[in-house]
Amino acid sequence: DPTVEGVISSSATSTISSSNGEIAKSVSPAQAAVGDTVTWAVEVTYPDTASYFDAVVTDTVQPGIDLSTIATTSVTCSIPSACADADFGQPIAASGRTIGWTIGDIGVTPDDLVVTIVYTGRVEDGLGSTAGTVLSNTATSTWATSDGTRVTGKSSTANLVVTRPVVSVTKDVDTLAPTPGAPYTYSVTVTNGSGDLVSAAYAIEVEDAVPVGVIVDAST
């Protein structure tokens, strides 16, 4: 158009950045016996310079922990207003031995945002529960970028050492060749072992098969 002397245009772009942040996981106590319940804590730090979408924290639970006993104690956010998703803190259905929690969308915040997840589980008998076995559970932070690309952040592992009772039984007799009709005494001693990997033993039962020809004195 000859009447138009010129066109002035301007544009602006904005880049949404993301950062891997930090994640730390711990377990208490650090040693536990079969049947004991332990507590894990996962702390995820989302830096204040980044945005995170559909953030999730997952945790792979090693055999030796009864998956059916996993229970969430709490999921907290250091800046509650930034953790506004309706599903924040909700457990995600387990996939195999991987459990998880929904964190949701987190925009740029005035300070680093810290999400803390606390949950419990019980050490089970069977595979992975021999004394000295180290059960290593690893938590990982994941999220999506603004274009939907899924990003895997850092991981952290907590090591739980399994302890067990080490029970032994010994039996002695005070007379090796008693005469018929003469009394003699058996002594049965039950001992639990000692050491860092030995746990207490409870509800111990001892059975003794009495041979034919021996009459037990019920008063002893």
Protein backbone atom coordinates (compact mmCIF):
# COMPACT_ATOMS: atom_id res chain seq x y z
CA ASP A 1 0.00 0.00 0.00
CA PRO A 2 1.68 3.25 -1.09
CA THR A 3 0.00 5.11 1.78
CA VAL A 4 1.82 2.98 4.35
CA GLU A 5 5.19 4.44 5.11
CA GLY A 6 6.48 1.58 7.29
CA VAL A 7 5.67 -1.22 9.68
CA ILE A 8 7.20 -1.51 13.08
CA SER A 9 6.97 -4.88 14.83
CA SER A 10 8.20 -6.27 18.11
CA SER A 11 8.31 -9.74 19.61
CA ALA A 12 9.26 -11.26 22.92
CA THR A 13 10.04 -14.79 23.99
CA SER A 14 10.02 -16.40 27.37
CA THR A 15 11.93 -19.53 28.27
CA ILE A 16 10.72 -21.81 31.04
CA SER A 17 13.74 -23.51 32.53
CA SER A 18 13.96 -26.64 34.62
CA SER A 19 16.55 -28.03 36.99
CA ASN A 20 17.15 -31.50 38.38
CA GLY A 21 16.96 -30.16 41.92
CA GLU A 22 17.94 -32.41 44.80
CA ILE A 23 16.55 -35.52 46.46
CA ALA A 24 17.55 -37.19 49.72
CA LYS A 25 16.21 -40.41 51.23
CA SER A 26 16.71 -41.91 54.70
CA VAL A 27 15.43 -44.89 56.68
CA SER A 28 14.93 -45.28 60.43
CA PRO A 29 16.08 -47.40 62.08
CA ALA A 30 19.02 -48.30 59.85
CA GLN A 31 18.81 -51.93 61.05
CA ALA A 32 15.61 -53.92 61.51
CA ALA A 33 14.55 -57.50 62.15
CA VAL A 34 11.98 -59.55 60.29
CA GLY A 35 8.55 -58.32 61.39
CA ASP A 36 9.76 -54.83 62.33
CA THR A 37 8.18 -51.71 60.83
CA VAL A 38 10.57 -49.07 59.52
CA THR A 39 10.09 -45.48 58.38
CA TRP A 40 11.45 -43.89 55.21
CA ALA A 41 11.64 -40.16 54.52
CA VAL A 42 12.14 -38.69 51.04
CA GLU A 43 12.96 -35.00 50.71
CA VAL A 44 12.78 -33.46 47.23
CA THR A 45 14.01 -29.91 46.61
CA TYR A 46 12.63 -28.02 43.60
CA PRO A 47 14.79 -24.92 42.88
CA ASP A 48 13.08 -21.54 42.78
CA THR A 49 14.39 -20.79 39.27
CA ALA A 50 12.44 -23.51 37.47
CA SER A 51 8.96 -24.74 36.64
CA TYR A 52 7.84 -28.35 36.93
CA PHE A 53 4.73 -29.92 35.43
CA ASP A 54 3.04 -33.14 36.48
CA ALA A 55 5.81 -33.78 39.02
CA VAL A 56 5.93 -37.26 40.53
CA VAL A 57 8.14 -39.01 43.08
CA THR A 58 8.58 -42.77 42.66
CA ASP A 59 10.24 -45.34 44.89
CA THR A 60 11.30 -48.87 44.04
CA VAL A 61 10.74 -51.17 47.03
CA GLN A 62 13.16 -54.10 47.15
CA PRO A 63 11.98 -57.65 47.94
CA GLY A 64 12.33 -58.19 51.66
CA ILE A 65 9.82 -55.43 52.39
CA ASP A 66 6.17 -56.49 52.48
CA LEU A 67 4.66 -54.30 49.75
CA SER A 68 1.15 -54.73 51.18
CA THR A 69 2.24 -52.96 54.40
CA ILE A 70 3.46 -49.76 52.73
CA ALA A 71 1.53 -46.84 54.22
CA THR A 72 1.97 -43.11 53.69
CA THR A 73 2.37 -41.16 56.92
CA SER A 74 2.55 -37.65 55.47
CA VAL A 75 3.35 -35.61 52.35
CA THR A 76 4.17 -31.96 53.13
CA CYS A 77 5.16 -28.91 51.13
CA SER A 78 7.37 -26.06 52.37
CA ILE A 79 5.33 -23.53 50.34
CA PRO A 80 1.74 -24.79 50.57
CA SER A 81 0.36 -22.25 48.12
CA ALA A 82 2.65 -23.64 45.41
CA CYS A 83 1.44 -27.21 45.98
CA ALA A 84 -2.14 -26.49 45.06
CA ASP A 85 -2.97 -29.48 42.86
CA ALA A 86 -6.01 -31.36 44.12
CA ASP A 87 -4.06 -34.62 43.89
CA PHE A 88 -0.96 -33.35 45.70
CA GLY A 89 0.45 -36.07 47.94
CA GLN A 90 -1.87 -38.79 46.67
CA PRO A 91 -0.28 -42.25 46.32
CA ILE A 92 0.02 -43.64 42.81
CA ALA A 93 -1.07 -47.23 42.19
CA ALA A 94 1.94 -49.55 42.47
CA SER A 95 3.50 -50.86 39.27
CA GLY A 96 5.34 -54.05 40.15
CA ARG A 97 7.39 -53.00 43.18
CA THR A 98 7.43 -49.31 42.25
CA ILE A 99 5.24 -46.99 44.31
CA GLY A 100 4.83 -43.23 43.95
CA TRP A 101 3.15 -39.98 44.87
CA THR A 102 1.64 -37.16 42.82
CA ILE A 103 3.20 -33.73 43.35
CA GLY A 104 1.58 -31.90 40.43
CA ASP A 105 2.52 -28.60 38.80
CA ILE A 106 5.04 -26.30 40.49
CA GLY A 107 5.73 -22.88 39.06
CA VAL A 108 8.61 -20.52 39.82
CA THR A 109 8.58 -19.87 43.58
CA PRO A 110 10.18 -17.15 45.74
CA ASP A 111 12.35 -19.77 47.46
CA ASP A 112 13.37 -23.35 46.84
CA LEU A 113 10.36 -25.61 47.44
CA VAL A 114 10.82 -28.77 49.50
CA VAL A 115 8.40 -31.70 49.43
CA THR A 116 8.83 -34.26 52.20
CA ILE A 117 7.28 -37.73 51.96
CA VAL A 118 7.21 -40.05 54.99
CA TYR A 119 6.00 -43.64 54.76
CA THR A 120 6.35 -46.97 56.55
CA GLY A 121 6.66 -50.66 55.69
CA ARG A 122 7.42 -53.98 57.38
CA VAL A 123 10.38 -56.30 56.89
CA GLU A 124 9.02 -59.65 55.72
CA ASP A 125 10.31 -63.17 56.15
CA GLY A 126 11.62 -64.99 53.10
CA LEU A 127 13.59 -63.77 50.09
CA GLY A 128 15.95 -60.94 50.93
CA SER A 129 15.57 -61.20 54.70
CA THR A 130 18.64 -63.16 55.79
CA ALA A 131 20.81 -61.56 58.46
CA GLY A 132 23.12 -58.94 57.02
CA THR A 133 21.13 -58.47 53.82
CA VAL A 134 21.06 -54.84 52.71
CA LEU A 135 17.69 -53.72 51.34
CA SER A 136 18.30 -50.72 49.08
CA ASN A 137 15.24 -48.67 48.16
CA THR A 138 15.71 -45.90 45.58
CA ALA A 139 13.49 -42.82 45.20
CA THR A 140 13.46 -40.77 41.99
CA SER A 141 11.96 -37.42 41.04
CA THR A 142 10.35 -37.00 37.61
CA TRP A 143 8.36 -34.26 35.89
CA ALA A 144 7.37 -32.88 32.49
CA THR A 145 8.60 -29.76 30.71
CA SER A 146 6.24 -27.21 29.17
CA ASP A 147 6.23 -29.15 25.89
CA GLY A 148 5.29 -32.39 27.63
CA THR A 149 8.71 -34.03 27.55
CA ARG A 150 9.16 -36.34 30.53
CA VAL A 151 12.32 -35.66 32.55
CA THR A 152 13.96 -37.98 35.07
CA GLY A 153 15.71 -36.07 37.82
CA LYS A 154 18.05 -37.24 40.51
CA SER A 155 17.70 -40.37 42.64
CA SER A 156 18.58 -41.21 46.23
CA THR A 157 18.97 -44.59 47.94
CA ALA A 158 18.43 -45.59 51.58
CA ASN A 159 20.01 -48.82 52.84
CA LEU A 160 18.31 -50.97 55.46
CA VAL A 161 20.28 -53.81 57.07
CA VAL A 162 18.25 -56.89 58.04
CA THR A 163 18.92 -58.57 61.39
CA ARG A 164 17.65 -61.95 62.61
CA PRO A 165 17.75 -64.09 65.76
CA VAL A 166 20.42 -66.81 65.80
CA VAL A 167 18.92 -69.36 68.18
CA SER A 168 20.74 -72.55 69.20
CA VAL A 169 19.65 -75.42 71.45
CA THR A 170 21.93 -77.74 73.44
CA LYS A 171 20.94 -80.75 75.52
CA ASP A 172 22.92 -82.55 78.23
CA VAL A 173 22.27 -85.47 80.57
CA ASP A 174 23.91 -85.86 83.98
CA THR A 175 24.27 -89.64 83.77
CA LEU A 176 25.34 -91.26 80.54
CA ALA A 177 24.52 -94.83 81.64
CA PRO A 178 21.83 -94.76 84.34
CA THR A 179 20.69 -98.01 85.99
CA PRO A 180 17.09 -99.06 85.42
CA GLY A 181 14.71 -97.21 87.77
CA ALA A 182 17.31 -94.64 88.82
CA PRO A 183 16.53 -90.96 88.21
CA TYR A 184 18.66 -88.80 85.94
CA THR A 185 18.39 -85.28 84.63
CA TYR A 186 18.32 -83.72 81.17
CA SER A 187 19.24 -80.04 80.76
CA VAL A 188 18.08 -78.10 77.69
CA THR A 189 19.63 -74.69 77.06
CA VAL A 190 18.32 -72.22 74.49
CA THR A 191 20.66 -69.42 73.49
CA ASN A 192 20.31 -66.45 71.15
CA GLY A 193 23.48 -65.27 69.45
CA SER A 194 25.19 -61.92 69.80
CA GLY A 195 26.55 -59.34 67.43
CA ASP A 196 25.42 -56.39 65.34
CA LEU A 197 23.29 -58.51 62.99
CA VAL A 198 21.49 -60.53 65.70
CA SER A 199 18.03 -59.45 66.80
CA ALA A 200 15.94 -60.45 69.80
CA ALA A 201 13.98 -63.70 69.63
CA TYR A 202 10.37 -63.89 70.83
CA ALA A 203 7.85 -66.66 71.63
CA ILE A 204 10.44 -69.43 71.45
CA GLU A 205 9.04 -72.94 71.80
CA VAL A 206 11.15 -76.02 72.58
CA GLU A 207 10.01 -79.57 71.92
CA ASP A 208 11.75 -82.75 73.05
CA ALA A 209 10.90 -86.22 71.78
CA VAL A 210 11.08 -88.53 74.77
CA PRO A 211 12.43 -91.98 73.83
CA VAL A 212 10.55 -95.16 74.69
CA GLY A 213 11.47 -96.40 78.15
CA VAL A 214 11.94 -92.96 79.70
CA ILE A 215 9.35 -91.78 82.24
CA VAL A 216 9.14 -88.01 82.60
CA ASP A 217 8.88 -86.57 86.10
CA ALA A 218 6.09 -84.01 85.61
CA SER A 219 7.17 -82.05 88.69
CA THR A 220 10.45 -81.00 87.06
